[in-house]
Amino acid sequence: MAESTHQRKRNFQTSGQPVGVLYLSMSDRCCIVVTEPLSEESLKWLRVRADVVQCAAGDAGFAEALQSAQGLIVRTYTQVDQAMLSAAPRLRVVGRAGTGIDNIDVAACGRMGIAVVNTPAANRQAVVEYVTSILTSTLRPRPKAITSELSPEAWSQVRQEVVMNRQMSECTFGILGFGQIGRRIAEVAQAIGFTVQFCDVVDIPKNQRHRAAKVDLDTLLHTSDVLSLHIDGRPENRNFLTPALLNLLRQDVLLLNTSRGFIMRSTDLARAMTTRPQAQAILDVHEVEPVPADDPLLTLPNVTLLPHAASRTRAAQNAMSWVVRDVLELIKKKTNA
């Protein structure tokens, strides 16, 4: 983009490489700082309409970029706290390219008159597909492909090894947190043949339950063969699954967490899984990411840790990136108010 006579531009450096251009404009173009990757299509769209700085929090130039930022767009690993907000005197909007906003101090934004927007439905299908793939690969795994001729005995042995003790249609599927993702998973689980039940603090209308039964928390925990966690990021959900609640889980439960890592302590879950060798826990989210070497879950054979990949499809990534539209629209509204 050509520099106008009313603009000065400065390249910001990270590890010796330019990461973005900040245009200090005397025109009506606003400055938006982007701290984590977005789709190139959304960035291209945004650059036509605003001056964009791509700079990770903590990198060289970030503090200076905040001085001019009217918009700030983050994803998963940028913590937008009071200190960061105070360092951005012109900030009007914070956008989260994703579902949760637990990495944003929403209360502080409210006090400072800063709007917060996110993309609550953008990754729903990706997460549902991910959960479904975990279900099928765990409860109904495929045998290894045949790559050579087998004797009749070996053929019979291979077939015997993949006989599963339970069929999905014999299992109760529990969902803790019945928001947009939880409800869509209920539909899929119903279609597969699970008996589905859920628990949520919100009274979900019957016409939105997809035939899933509403139960209390204790019932959900001790009667679900599969328990899928979809709790939101509100502060009161930190360490929600206490040792006492984890102790209610079935001895052979399949526990899936694709929501928030902080809803239970690793030490508490490790203790619960140690006393339940027939149970399995598959966790895609973790309170500390990357998972630290001293996490007790790393050594347990019935725990699988995945790298926060539930939303990693091109479609979901693109949909989340289009938070740029809402951020720009709100900046304009606040500017013209």
C-alpha atoms as a PDB file:
ATOM      1  CA  MET A   1       0.000   0.000   0.000  1.00  0.00           C
ATOM      2  CA  ALA A   2       1.411   3.383  -0.966  1.00  0.00           C
ATOM      3  CA  GLU A   3       2.178   5.790   1.845  1.00  0.00           C
ATOM      4  CA  SER A   4       0.130   8.967   1.641  1.00  0.00           C
ATOM      5  CA  THR A   5       1.477  12.419   2.403  1.00  0.00           C
ATOM      6  CA  HIS A   6      -0.496  12.316   5.653  1.00  0.00           C
ATOM      7  CA  GLN A   7       1.130   9.146   6.949  1.00  0.00           C
ATOM      8  CA  ARG A   8       4.388   8.067   8.506  1.00  0.00           C
ATOM      9  CA  LYS A   9       5.156   4.380   8.703  1.00  0.00           C
ATOM     10  CA  ARG A  10       7.415   2.390  10.996  1.00  0.00           C
ATOM     11  CA  ASN A  11       8.453  -1.260  10.613  1.00  0.00           C
ATOM     12  CA  PHE A  12       8.282  -3.199  13.855  1.00  0.00           C
ATOM     13  CA  GLN A  13      10.885  -5.905  14.356  1.00  0.00           C
ATOM     14  CA  THR A  14      10.658  -9.296  16.030  1.00  0.00           C
ATOM     15  CA  SER A  15      13.811 -11.446  16.201  1.00  0.00           C
ATOM     16  CA  GLY A  16      15.272  -9.252  13.517  1.00  0.00           C
ATOM     17  CA  GLN A  17      12.382  -9.715  11.098  1.00  0.00           C
ATOM     18  CA  PRO A  18       9.730  -7.102  10.223  1.00  0.00           C
ATOM     19  CA  VAL A  19       6.352  -8.243  11.482  1.00  0.00           C
ATOM     20  CA  GLY A  20       4.118  -5.408  10.458  1.00  0.00           C
ATOM     21  CA  VAL A  21       3.760  -1.782   9.564  1.00  0.00           C
ATOM     22  CA  LEU A  22       2.196   0.790  11.838  1.00  0.00           C
ATOM     23  CA  TYR A  23       0.739   3.745   9.992  1.00  0.00           C
ATOM     24  CA  LEU A  24       0.475   6.816  12.161  1.00  0.00           C
ATOM     25  CA  SER A  25      -2.252   8.437  10.185  1.00  0.00           C
ATOM     26  CA  MET A  26      -3.763  11.873  10.201  1.00  0.00           C
ATOM     27  CA  SER A  27      -6.608  10.483   8.105  1.00  0.00           C
ATOM     28  CA  ASP A  28      -9.597   8.542   9.369  1.00  0.00           C
ATOM     29  CA  ARG A  29      -7.836   5.168   9.059  1.00  0.00           C
ATOM     30  CA  CYS A  30      -7.644   3.404  12.379  1.00  0.00           C
ATOM     31  CA  CYS A  31      -4.795   1.281  13.726  1.00  0.00           C
ATOM     32  CA  ILE A  32      -5.501  -2.358  14.639  1.00  0.00           C
ATOM     33  CA  VAL A  33      -2.922  -4.562  16.346  1.00  0.00           C
ATOM     34  CA  VAL A  34      -3.085  -8.319  15.638  1.00  0.00           C
ATOM     35  CA  THR A  35      -1.117 -10.473  18.081  1.00  0.00           C
ATOM     36  CA  GLU A  36      -1.686 -13.981  16.689  1.00  0.00           C
ATOM     37  CA  PRO A  37      -2.150 -15.522  13.226  1.00  0.00           C
ATOM     38  CA  LEU A  38      -5.316 -14.846  11.241  1.00  0.00           C
ATOM     39  CA  SER A  39      -6.240 -16.054   7.780  1.00  0.00           C
ATOM     40  CA  GLU A  40      -4.482 -14.169   5.013  1.00  0.00           C
ATOM     41  CA  GLU A  41      -7.824 -13.408   3.357  1.00  0.00           C
ATOM     42  CA  SER A  42      -9.158 -11.639   6.451  1.00  0.00           C
ATOM     43  CA  LEU A  43      -5.902  -9.742   6.928  1.00  0.00           C
ATOM     44  CA  LYS A  44      -5.930  -8.645   3.307  1.00  0.00           C
ATOM     45  CA  TRP A  45      -9.485  -7.378   3.735  1.00  0.00           C
ATOM     46  CA  LEU A  46      -8.541  -5.532   6.909  1.00  0.00           C
ATOM     47  CA  ARG A  47      -5.417  -3.923   5.471  1.00  0.00           C
ATOM     48  CA  VAL A  48      -7.488  -2.256   2.756  1.00  0.00           C
ATOM     49  CA  ARG A  49      -9.590  -0.571   5.434  1.00  0.00           C
ATOM     50  CA  ALA A  50      -7.240  -0.020   8.366  1.00  0.00           C
ATOM     51  CA  ASP A  51      -3.587   0.210   9.317  1.00  0.00           C
ATOM     52  CA  VAL A  52      -2.587  -3.209  10.624  1.00  0.00           C
ATOM     53  CA  VAL A  53       0.278  -4.085  12.946  1.00  0.00           C
ATOM     54  CA  GLN A  54       1.045  -7.786  13.342  1.00  0.00           C
ATOM     55  CA  CYS A  55       3.050  -8.056  16.531  1.00  0.00           C
ATOM     56  CA  ALA A  56       2.914 -10.627  19.312  1.00  0.00           C
ATOM     57  CA  ALA A  57       2.469  -9.424  22.867  1.00  0.00           C
ATOM     58  CA  GLY A  58       5.870  -9.009  24.453  1.00  0.00           C
ATOM     59  CA  ASP A  59       7.717  -8.653  21.150  1.00  0.00           C
ATOM     60  CA  ALA A  60       9.825  -5.635  20.328  1.00  0.00           C
ATOM     61  CA  GLY A  61       7.569  -2.812  19.252  1.00  0.00           C
ATOM     62  CA  PHE A  62       4.396  -4.144  20.880  1.00  0.00           C
ATOM     63  CA  ALA A  63       4.273  -1.523  23.616  1.00  0.00           C
ATOM     64  CA  GLU A  64       4.696   1.248  21.059  1.00  0.00           C
ATOM     65  CA  ALA A  65       2.063  -0.274  18.786  1.00  0.00           C
ATOM     66  CA  LEU A  66      -0.437  -0.269  21.658  1.00  0.00           C
ATOM     67  CA  GLN A  67      -0.052   3.497  21.971  1.00  0.00           C
ATOM     68  CA  SER A  68      -1.795   3.963  18.613  1.00  0.00           C
ATOM     69  CA  ALA A  69      -4.093   0.927  18.653  1.00  0.00           C
ATOM     70  CA  GLN A  70      -7.816   1.516  18.425  1.00  0.00           C
ATOM     71  CA  GLY A  71      -8.431  -2.183  17.893  1.00  0.00           C
ATOM     72  CA  LEU A  72      -6.706  -5.255  19.309  1.00  0.00           C
ATOM     73  CA  ILE A  73      -7.290  -8.750  17.886  1.00  0.00           C
ATOM     74  CA  VAL A  74      -6.114 -11.816  19.800  1.00  0.00           C
ATOM     75  CA  ARG A  75      -6.645 -15.540  19.742  1.00  0.00           C
ATOM     76  CA  THR A  76      -5.711 -18.091  22.414  1.00  0.00           C
ATOM     77  CA  TYR A  77      -2.427 -17.157  24.012  1.00  0.00           C
ATOM     78  CA  THR A  78      -2.567 -13.379  24.400  1.00  0.00           C
ATOM     79  CA  GLN A  79      -3.678 -12.366  27.883  1.00  0.00           C
ATOM     80  CA  VAL A  80      -5.501  -9.054  27.712  1.00  0.00           C
ATOM     81  CA  ASP A  81      -5.264  -7.806  31.276  1.00  0.00           C
ATOM     82  CA  GLN A  82      -5.587  -4.475  33.035  1.00  0.00           C
ATOM     83  CA  ALA A  83      -1.928  -3.627  32.449  1.00  0.00           C
ATOM     84  CA  MET A  84      -2.196  -4.153  28.699  1.00  0.00           C
ATOM     85  CA  LEU A  85      -5.417  -2.173  28.485  1.00  0.00           C
ATOM     86  CA  SER A  86      -3.889   0.703  30.446  1.00  0.00           C
ATOM     87  CA  ALA A  87      -1.003   0.784  27.975  1.00  0.00           C
ATOM     88  CA  ALA A  88      -3.408   1.357  25.088  1.00  0.00           C
ATOM     89  CA  PRO A  89      -4.928   4.828  25.621  1.00  0.00           C
ATOM     90  CA  ARG A  90      -6.802   4.888  22.286  1.00  0.00           C
ATOM     91  CA  LEU A  91      -8.140   1.323  22.435  1.00  0.00           C
ATOM     92  CA  ARG A  92     -11.851   1.005  21.643  1.00  0.00           C
ATOM     93  CA  VAL A  93     -12.386  -2.678  20.775  1.00  0.00           C
ATOM     94  CA  VAL A  94     -10.811  -6.026  21.643  1.00  0.00           C
ATOM     95  CA  GLY A  95     -11.645  -8.898  19.298  1.00  0.00           C
ATOM     96  CA  ARG A  96     -11.131 -12.561  20.095  1.00  0.00           C
ATOM     97  CA  ALA A  97     -10.807 -14.807  17.045  1.00  0.00           C
ATOM     98  CA  GLY A  98     -12.457 -17.736  18.789  1.00  0.00           C
ATOM     99  CA  THR A  99     -15.250 -18.803  21.083  1.00  0.00           C
ATOM    100  CA  GLY A 100     -14.140 -18.099  24.635  1.00  0.00           C
ATOM    101  CA  ILE A 101     -13.081 -14.758  26.047  1.00  0.00           C
ATOM    102  CA  ASP A 102     -11.513 -16.021  29.274  1.00  0.00           C
ATOM    103  CA  ASN A 103      -8.112 -14.623  28.221  1.00  0.00           C
ATOM    104  CA  ILE A 104      -9.643 -11.126  28.182  1.00  0.00           C
ATOM    105  CA  ASP A 105     -10.373  -9.109  31.320  1.00  0.00           C
ATOM    106  CA  VAL A 106     -13.911  -8.289  30.244  1.00  0.00           C
ATOM    107  CA  ALA A 107     -14.686  -6.432  33.467  1.00  0.00           C
ATOM    108  CA  ALA A 108     -11.709  -4.125  32.993  1.00  0.00           C
ATOM    109  CA  CYS A 109     -12.738  -3.528  29.385  1.00  0.00           C
ATOM    110  CA  GLY A 110     -16.203  -2.576  30.564  1.00  0.00           C
ATOM    111  CA  ARG A 111     -14.871  -0.104  33.090  1.00  0.00           C
ATOM    112  CA  MET A 112     -12.742   1.513  30.406  1.00  0.00           C
ATOM    113  CA  GLY A 113     -15.483   1.639  27.780  1.00  0.00           C
ATOM    114  CA  ILE A 114     -13.756  -0.915  25.553  1.00  0.00           C
ATOM    115  CA  ALA A 115     -16.015  -3.280  23.602  1.00  0.00           C
ATOM    116  CA  VAL A 116     -15.251  -7.015  23.427  1.00  0.00           C
ATOM    117  CA  VAL A 117     -16.339  -9.202  20.497  1.00  0.00           C
ATOM    118  CA  ASN A 118     -15.731 -12.849  19.633  1.00  0.00           C
ATOM    119  CA  THR A 119     -16.858 -15.554  17.191  1.00  0.00           C
ATOM    120  CA  PRO A 120     -18.986 -17.930  19.292  1.00  0.00           C
ATOM    121  CA  ALA A 121     -20.149 -20.263  16.513  1.00  0.00           C
ATOM    122  CA  ALA A 122     -17.131 -20.187  14.211  1.00  0.00           C
ATOM    123  CA  ASN A 123     -15.465 -23.393  15.422  1.00  0.00           C
ATOM    124  CA  ARG A 124     -18.566 -25.355  16.444  1.00  0.00           C
ATOM    125  CA  GLN A 125     -18.525 -27.816  13.543  1.00  0.00           C
ATOM    126  CA  ALA A 126     -14.778 -28.377  13.821  1.00  0.00           C
ATOM    127  CA  VAL A 127     -14.999 -29.197  17.533  1.00  0.00           C
ATOM    128  CA  VAL A 128     -17.980 -31.504  17.001  1.00  0.00           C
ATOM    129  CA  GLU A 129     -16.128 -33.390  14.268  1.00  0.00           C
ATOM    130  CA  TYR A 130     -13.081 -33.666  16.529  1.00  0.00           C
ATOM    131  CA  VAL A 131     -15.089 -35.076  19.423  1.00  0.00           C
ATOM    132  CA  THR A 132     -16.775 -37.514  17.053  1.00  0.00           C
ATOM    133  CA  SER A 133     -13.424 -38.692  15.701  1.00  0.00           C
ATOM    134  CA  ILE A 134     -12.194 -39.303  19.254  1.00  0.00           C
ATOM    135  CA  LEU A 135     -15.332 -41.284  20.018  1.00  0.00           C
ATOM    136  CA  THR A 136     -15.065 -43.533  17.012  1.00  0.00           C
ATOM    137  CA  SER A 137     -11.319 -44.120  17.324  1.00  0.00           C
ATOM    138  CA  THR A 138     -11.654 -44.937  21.035  1.00  0.00           C
ATOM    139  CA  LEU A 139     -14.936 -46.834  21.304  1.00  0.00           C
ATOM    140  CA  ARG A 140     -14.877 -48.432  17.858  1.00  0.00           C
ATOM    141  CA  PRO A 141     -11.254 -48.539  16.678  1.00  0.00           C
ATOM    142  CA  ARG A 142     -10.404 -50.115  13.364  1.00  0.00           C
ATOM    143  CA  PRO A 143      -8.053 -53.096  13.163  1.00  0.00           C
ATOM    144  CA  LYS A 144      -4.704 -52.657  11.497  1.00  0.00           C
ATOM    145  CA  ALA A 145      -4.753 -52.901   7.741  1.00  0.00           C
ATOM    146  CA  ILE A 146      -3.801 -56.264   6.273  1.00  0.00           C
ATOM    147  CA  THR A 147      -0.537 -55.902   4.408  1.00  0.00           C
ATOM    148  CA  SER A 148       0.334 -59.552   3.806  1.00  0.00           C
ATOM    149  CA  GLU A 149      -1.269 -62.986   3.607  1.00  0.00           C
ATOM    150  CA  LEU A 150      -2.462 -64.309   6.971  1.00  0.00           C
ATOM    151  CA  SER A 151      -2.946 -67.871   8.038  1.00  0.00           C
ATOM    152  CA  PRO A 152      -6.480 -68.861   9.092  1.00  0.00           C
ATOM    153  CA  GLU A 153      -5.334 -68.787  12.721  1.00  0.00           C
ATOM    154  CA  ALA A 154      -3.780 -65.329  12.408  1.00  0.00           C
ATOM    155  CA  TRP A 155      -6.882 -64.070  10.588  1.00  0.00           C
ATOM    156  CA  SER A 156      -9.092 -65.267  13.456  1.00  0.00           C
ATOM    157  CA  GLN A 157      -6.735 -63.735  16.018  1.00  0.00           C
ATOM    158  CA  VAL A 158      -6.860 -60.309  14.348  1.00  0.00           C
ATOM    159  CA  ARG A 159     -10.659 -60.405  14.284  1.00  0.00           C
ATOM    160  CA  GLN A 160     -10.852 -61.474  17.913  1.00  0.00           C
ATOM    161  CA  GLU A 161      -8.583 -58.662  19.085  1.00  0.00           C
ATOM    162  CA  VAL A 162     -10.977 -55.970  17.889  1.00  0.00           C
ATOM    163  CA  VAL A 163     -14.126 -57.280  19.556  1.00  0.00           C
ATOM    164  CA  MET A 164     -15.306 -54.368  21.719  1.00  0.00           C
ATOM    165  CA  ASN A 165     -16.933 -54.906  25.089  1.00  0.00           C
ATOM    166  CA  ARG A 166     -19.611 -52.300  24.483  1.00  0.00           C
ATOM    167  CA  GLN A 167     -21.362 -50.750  21.551  1.00  0.00           C
ATOM    168  CA  MET A 168     -22.062 -47.022  21.415  1.00  0.00           C
ATOM    169  CA  SER A 169     -25.795 -47.664  21.377  1.00  0.00           C
ATOM    170  CA  GLU A 170     -25.386 -49.335  24.776  1.00  0.00           C
ATOM    171  CA  CYS A 171     -23.717 -46.278  26.312  1.00  0.00           C
ATOM    172  CA  THR A 172     -24.953 -43.134  28.004  1.00  0.00           C
ATOM    173  CA  PHE A 173     -23.345 -39.989  26.672  1.00  0.00           C
ATOM    174  CA  GLY A 174     -23.138 -37.127  29.174  1.00  0.00           C
ATOM    175  CA  ILE A 175     -22.531 -33.499  28.251  1.00  0.00           C
ATOM    176  CA  LEU A 176     -21.442 -31.003  30.886  1.00  0.00           C
ATOM    177  CA  GLY A 177     -22.217 -27.570  29.473  1.00  0.00           C
ATOM    178  CA  PHE A 178     -25.020 -27.421  26.928  1.00  0.00           C
ATOM    179  CA  GLY A 179     -24.160 -24.419  24.793  1.00  0.00           C
ATOM    180  CA  GLN A 180     -23.910 -24.317  21.008  1.00  0.00           C
ATOM    181  CA  ILE A 181     -21.210 -26.987  20.813  1.00  0.00           C
ATOM    182  CA  GLY A 182     -22.769 -29.200  23.465  1.00  0.00           C
ATOM    183  CA  ARG A 183     -26.141 -29.143  21.728  1.00  0.00           C
ATOM    184  CA  ARG A 184     -24.686 -30.020  18.341  1.00  0.00           C
ATOM    185  CA  ILE A 185     -22.752 -32.905  19.909  1.00  0.00           C
ATOM    186  CA  ALA A 186     -26.014 -34.092  21.456  1.00  0.00           C
ATOM    187  CA  GLU A 187     -27.540 -34.262  17.968  1.00  0.00           C
ATOM    188  CA  VAL A 188     -24.633 -36.287  16.632  1.00  0.00           C
ATOM    189  CA  ALA A 189     -24.562 -38.621  19.627  1.00  0.00           C
ATOM    190  CA  GLN A 190     -28.300 -39.199  19.297  1.00  0.00           C
ATOM    191  CA  ALA A 191     -27.859 -40.045  15.617  1.00  0.00           C
ATOM    192  CA  ILE A 192     -25.133 -42.574  16.451  1.00  0.00           C
ATOM    193  CA  GLY A 193     -27.387 -44.254  18.997  1.00  0.00           C
ATOM    194  CA  PHE A 194     -26.171 -43.042  22.391  1.00  0.00           C
ATOM    195  CA  THR A 195     -28.585 -42.276  25.189  1.00  0.00           C
ATOM    196  CA  VAL A 196     -27.793 -38.601  25.770  1.00  0.00           C
ATOM    197  CA  GLN A 197     -28.058 -36.543  28.945  1.00  0.00           C
ATOM    198  CA  PHE A 198     -26.762 -33.140  29.951  1.00  0.00           C
ATOM    199  CA  CYS A 199     -26.286 -30.738  32.832  1.00  0.00           C
ATOM    200  CA  ASP A 200     -26.126 -26.963  32.573  1.00  0.00           C
ATOM    201  CA  VAL A 201     -26.641 -24.046  34.951  1.00  0.00           C
ATOM    202  CA  VAL A 202     -28.960 -22.514  32.338  1.00  0.00           C
ATOM    203  CA  ASP A 203     -32.476 -23.877  31.961  1.00  0.00           C
ATOM    204  CA  ILE A 204     -32.331 -24.982  28.331  1.00  0.00           C
ATOM    205  CA  PRO A 205     -35.785 -24.917  26.636  1.00  0.00           C
ATOM    206  CA  LYS A 206     -37.054 -28.376  25.799  1.00  0.00           C
ATOM    207  CA  ASN A 207     -37.237 -27.607  22.101  1.00  0.00           C
ATOM    208  CA  GLN A 208     -33.462 -26.969  22.123  1.00  0.00           C
ATOM    209  CA  ARG A 209     -32.415 -30.127  23.967  1.00  0.00           C
ATOM    210  CA  HIS A 210     -32.414 -32.447  20.936  1.00  0.00           C
ATOM    211  CA  ARG A 211     -34.128 -35.149  22.994  1.00  0.00           C
ATOM    212  CA  ALA A 212     -31.308 -35.158  25.555  1.00  0.00           C
ATOM    213  CA  ALA A 213     -32.419 -35.638  29.151  1.00  0.00           C
ATOM    214  CA  LYS A 214     -31.618 -32.946  31.690  1.00  0.00           C
ATOM    215  CA  VAL A 215     -30.086 -34.363  34.874  1.00  0.00           C
ATOM    216  CA  ASP A 216     -28.369 -32.955  37.945  1.00  0.00           C
ATOM    217  CA  LEU A 217     -24.593 -32.840  38.159  1.00  0.00           C
ATOM    218  CA  ASP A 218     -24.142 -35.833  40.439  1.00  0.00           C
ATOM    219  CA  THR A 219     -26.323 -38.000  38.207  1.00  0.00           C
ATOM    220  CA  LEU A 220     -24.458 -36.878  35.107  1.00  0.00           C
ATOM    221  CA  LEU A 221     -21.086 -37.756  36.616  1.00  0.00           C
ATOM    222  CA  HIS A 222     -21.871 -41.178  38.011  1.00  0.00           C
ATOM    223  CA  THR A 223     -24.109 -42.499  35.198  1.00  0.00           C
ATOM    224  CA  SER A 224     -22.320 -41.324  32.037  1.00  0.00           C
ATOM    225  CA  ASP A 225     -20.240 -43.917  30.171  1.00  0.00           C
ATOM    226  CA  VAL A 226     -18.858 -41.042  28.115  1.00  0.00           C
ATOM    227  CA  LEU A 227     -18.569 -37.563  29.601  1.00  0.00           C
ATOM    228  CA  SER A 228     -17.787 -34.670  27.255  1.00  0.00           C
ATOM    229  CA  LEU A 229     -16.897 -31.341  28.874  1.00  0.00           C
ATOM    230  CA  HIS A 230     -18.044 -28.092  27.288  1.00  0.00           C
ATOM    231  CA  ILE A 231     -17.868 -25.630  30.176  1.00  0.00           C
ATOM    232  CA  ASP A 232     -17.345 -21.975  29.350  1.00  0.00           C
ATOM    233  CA  GLY A 233     -14.546 -19.766  30.590  1.00  0.00           C
ATOM    234  CA  ARG A 234     -16.255 -17.810  33.359  1.00  0.00           C
ATOM    235  CA  PRO A 235     -14.025 -17.417  36.453  1.00  0.00           C
ATOM    236  CA  GLU A 236     -16.279 -19.499  38.690  1.00  0.00           C
ATOM    237  CA  ASN A 237     -15.618 -22.535  36.475  1.00  0.00           C
ATOM    238  CA  ARG A 238     -11.946 -22.623  37.461  1.00  0.00           C
ATOM    239  CA  ASN A 239     -11.299 -25.958  39.208  1.00  0.00           C
ATOM    240  CA  PHE A 240     -14.999 -26.728  38.800  1.00  0.00           C
ATOM    241  CA  LEU A 241     -14.437 -30.484  38.839  1.00  0.00           C
ATOM    242  CA  THR A 242     -13.200 -30.898  42.388  1.00  0.00           C
ATOM    243  CA  PRO A 243     -11.756 -34.144  43.764  1.00  0.00           C
ATOM    244  CA  ALA A 244     -15.146 -34.926  45.286  1.00  0.00           C
ATOM    245  CA  LEU A 245     -16.888 -34.530  41.919  1.00  0.00           C
ATOM    246  CA  LEU A 246     -14.227 -36.487  40.055  1.00  0.00           C
ATOM    247  CA  ASN A 247     -14.708 -39.273  42.570  1.00  0.00           C
ATOM    248  CA  LEU A 248     -18.286 -39.687  41.265  1.00  0.00           C
ATOM    249  CA  LEU A 249     -17.084 -40.757  37.818  1.00  0.00           C
ATOM    250  CA  ARG A 250     -17.702 -44.311  36.655  1.00  0.00           C
ATOM    251  CA  GLN A 251     -14.801 -46.715  36.983  1.00  0.00           C
ATOM    252  CA  ASP A 252     -14.735 -47.178  33.191  1.00  0.00           C
ATOM    253  CA  VAL A 253     -15.663 -43.656  32.080  1.00  0.00           C
ATOM    254  CA  LEU A 254     -14.356 -42.112  28.885  1.00  0.00           C
ATOM    255  CA  LEU A 255     -13.723 -38.460  29.795  1.00  0.00           C
ATOM    256  CA  LEU A 256     -13.278 -35.923  26.993  1.00  0.00           C
ATOM    257  CA  ASN A 257     -12.262 -32.305  27.508  1.00  0.00           C
ATOM    258  CA  THR A 258     -12.232 -29.924  24.558  1.00  0.00           C
ATOM    259  CA  SER A 259     -13.412 -26.882  26.534  1.00  0.00           C
ATOM    260  CA  ARG A 260     -11.065 -25.336  29.127  1.00  0.00           C
ATOM    261  CA  GLY A 261      -7.976 -26.779  30.746  1.00  0.00           C
ATOM    262  CA  PHE A 262      -8.499 -24.942  34.012  1.00  0.00           C
ATOM    263  CA  ILE A 263     -11.798 -26.612  34.934  1.00  0.00           C
ATOM    264  CA  MET A 264      -9.879 -29.243  36.913  1.00  0.00           C
ATOM    265  CA  ARG A 265      -6.411 -29.587  38.380  1.00  0.00           C
ATOM    266  CA  SER A 266      -4.044 -32.053  36.747  1.00  0.00           C
ATOM    267  CA  THR A 267      -3.163 -33.476  40.160  1.00  0.00           C
ATOM    268  CA  ASP A 268      -6.833 -34.109  40.974  1.00  0.00           C
ATOM    269  CA  LEU A 269      -7.546 -35.800  37.644  1.00  0.00           C
ATOM    270  CA  ALA A 270      -4.347 -37.833  37.897  1.00  0.00           C
ATOM    271  CA  ARG A 271      -5.498 -39.180  41.252  1.00  0.00           C
ATOM    272  CA  ALA A 272      -8.937 -40.043  39.872  1.00  0.00           C
ATOM    273  CA  MET A 273      -7.499 -41.809  36.818  1.00  0.00           C
ATOM    274  CA  THR A 274      -4.943 -43.722  38.905  1.00  0.00           C
ATOM    275  CA  THR A 275      -7.765 -45.232  40.947  1.00  0.00           C
ATOM    276  CA  ARG A 276      -9.688 -46.027  37.732  1.00  0.00           C
ATOM    277  CA  PRO A 277      -7.332 -48.052  35.510  1.00  0.00           C
ATOM    278  CA  GLN A 278     -10.254 -49.034  33.250  1.00  0.00           C
ATOM    279  CA  ALA A 279     -11.167 -45.376  32.634  1.00  0.00           C
ATOM    280  CA  GLN A 280      -9.745 -43.170  29.895  1.00  0.00           C
ATOM    281  CA  ALA A 281      -9.272 -39.409  29.767  1.00  0.00           C
ATOM    282  CA  ILE A 282      -8.557 -37.621  26.509  1.00  0.00           C
ATOM    283  CA  LEU A 283      -7.732 -33.951  26.995  1.00  0.00           C
ATOM    284  CA  ASP A 284      -7.281 -31.444  24.187  1.00  0.00           C
ATOM    285  CA  VAL A 285      -6.984 -28.386  26.433  1.00  0.00           C
ATOM    286  CA  HIS A 286      -4.664 -27.769  29.362  1.00  0.00           C
ATOM    287  CA  GLU A 287      -4.291 -25.089  32.003  1.00  0.00           C
ATOM    288  CA  VAL A 288      -0.662 -24.583  30.954  1.00  0.00           C
ATOM    289  CA  GLU A 289       0.182 -24.872  27.255  1.00  0.00           C
ATOM    290  CA  PRO A 290       2.480 -26.361  26.130  1.00  0.00           C
ATOM    291  CA  VAL A 291       2.041 -29.075  28.751  1.00  0.00           C
ATOM    292  CA  PRO A 292       4.938 -28.833  31.245  1.00  0.00           C
ATOM    293  CA  ALA A 293       7.276 -31.749  31.870  1.00  0.00           C
ATOM    294  CA  ASP A 294       6.103 -32.130  35.471  1.00  0.00           C
ATOM    295  CA  ASP A 295       2.418 -32.559  34.621  1.00  0.00           C
ATOM    296  CA  PRO A 296       1.399 -35.790  36.420  1.00  0.00           C
ATOM    297  CA  LEU A 297      -0.958 -36.748  33.598  1.00  0.00           C
ATOM    298  CA  LEU A 298       1.966 -37.301  31.210  1.00  0.00           C
ATOM    299  CA  THR A 299       2.929 -40.570  32.877  1.00  0.00           C
ATOM    300  CA  LEU A 300      -0.510 -42.197  33.077  1.00  0.00           C
ATOM    301  CA  PRO A 301      -1.260 -44.924  30.515  1.00  0.00           C
ATOM    302  CA  ASN A 302      -5.005 -44.211  30.535  1.00  0.00           C
ATOM    303  CA  VAL A 303      -4.637 -40.478  29.840  1.00  0.00           C
ATOM    304  CA  THR A 304      -4.086 -39.031  26.366  1.00  0.00           C
ATOM    305  CA  LEU A 305      -2.988 -35.407  25.998  1.00  0.00           C
ATOM    306  CA  LEU A 306      -3.630 -33.690  22.664  1.00  0.00           C
ATOM    307  CA  PRO A 307      -2.210 -30.333  21.450  1.00  0.00           C
ATOM    308  CA  HIS A 308      -5.320 -28.093  21.573  1.00  0.00           C
ATOM    309  CA  ALA A 309      -6.331 -29.024  18.041  1.00  0.00           C
ATOM    310  CA  ALA A 310     -10.139 -29.255  18.109  1.00  0.00           C
ATOM    311  CA  SER A 311     -10.655 -26.111  16.037  1.00  0.00           C
ATOM    312  CA  ARG A 312      -7.791 -26.721  13.623  1.00  0.00           C
ATOM    313  CA  THR A 313      -9.636 -26.869  10.333  1.00  0.00           C
ATOM    314  CA  ARG A 314      -9.224 -24.329   7.548  1.00  0.00           C
ATOM    315  CA  ALA A 315     -12.917 -23.488   7.646  1.00  0.00           C
ATOM    316  CA  ALA A 316     -12.914 -22.854  11.400  1.00  0.00           C
ATOM    317  CA  GLN A 317      -9.689 -20.858  11.287  1.00  0.00           C
ATOM    318  CA  ASN A 318     -11.070 -18.667   8.504  1.00  0.00           C
ATOM    319  CA  ALA A 319     -14.422 -18.181  10.227  1.00  0.00           C
ATOM    320  CA  MET A 320     -12.755 -17.128  13.477  1.00  0.00           C
ATOM    321  CA  SER A 321     -10.473 -14.735  11.609  1.00  0.00           C
ATOM    322  CA  TRP A 322     -13.440 -12.758  10.321  1.00  0.00           C
ATOM    323  CA  VAL A 323     -13.827 -11.183  13.741  1.00  0.00           C
ATOM    324  CA  VAL A 324     -11.935  -8.399  11.942  1.00  0.00           C
ATOM    325  CA  ARG A 325     -15.238  -7.214  10.448  1.00  0.00           C
ATOM    326  CA  ASP A 326     -16.886  -6.751  13.845  1.00  0.00           C
ATOM    327  CA  VAL A 327     -13.825  -5.056  15.294  1.00  0.00           C
ATOM    328  CA  LEU A 328     -13.658  -2.519  12.479  1.00  0.00           C
ATOM    329  CA  GLU A 329     -17.394  -1.873  12.536  1.00  0.00           C
ATOM    330  CA  LEU A 330     -17.397  -1.218  16.278  1.00  0.00           C
ATOM    331  CA  ILE A 331     -14.399   1.101  16.044  1.00  0.00           C
ATOM    332  CA  LYS A 332     -16.245   3.164  13.451  1.00  0.00           C
ATOM    333  CA  LYS A 333     -19.414   3.263  15.562  1.00  0.00           C
ATOM    334  CA  LYS A 334     -17.496   4.381  18.635  1.00  0.00           C
ATOM    335  CA  THR A 335     -15.573   6.956  16.626  1.00  0.00           C
ATOM    336  CA  ASN A 336     -18.734   8.432  15.159  1.00  0.00           C
ATOM    337  CA  ALA A 337     -20.769   8.280  18.364  1.00  0.00           C
END
